Amino acid sequence: MVVTNRTKTRRFRGHRTYHGHHRKWRGGGSRGGRGLAGMHKHKWSYTVKYDSDHFGKDKFVKPAKNLKAINVGDLEKMIDHLGKDQKSEEKGMIKVNLEKVGYDKLLGSGHLKRSIIVEARYFSKNAQEKITKAGGRIEQI
């Protein structure tokens, strides 16, 4: 490896007056202000590139509901395996409370062959159509 002579910059690192007069490289002014100063002025390109959400209103956003959903077809498969505490017989139809089973919403994917009564907090229009077409009904909790 070739050895190069120590450069002037390397030699003067750590010396107080390396940059000329001591005051020239002191204080927040030499770095364009302290902290986030100048984000709307001389540090605008930094703002655009790295901190684009810095300015503007922070709107209140309703937290998204993380609903646990089940499809009509999956409910059809699950009915036989549900325990007696989660389902009940009513007028020859099986009644299922989705909240007791652990679901919040009923979705309409799949096929339904038997008539059932479903108690659910939320349900889609497609799910409601499929259940009424099979002879059952949905009761909103």
Foldseek 3Di string as FASTA:
>chain_A
DDDDDDDLVNVCPPPQCSVHDNPPCDDQVNVPHPDCPQCVHPVVVVCVPPPVVPDDDDDDDDDDDPFAEDEPAVVQVCVVVDDPVQWDDDPNAIEGEVVVVPGAEYEHPRAHQAAHEYEHQYYDPNNQVRNVVRPYGYHHD
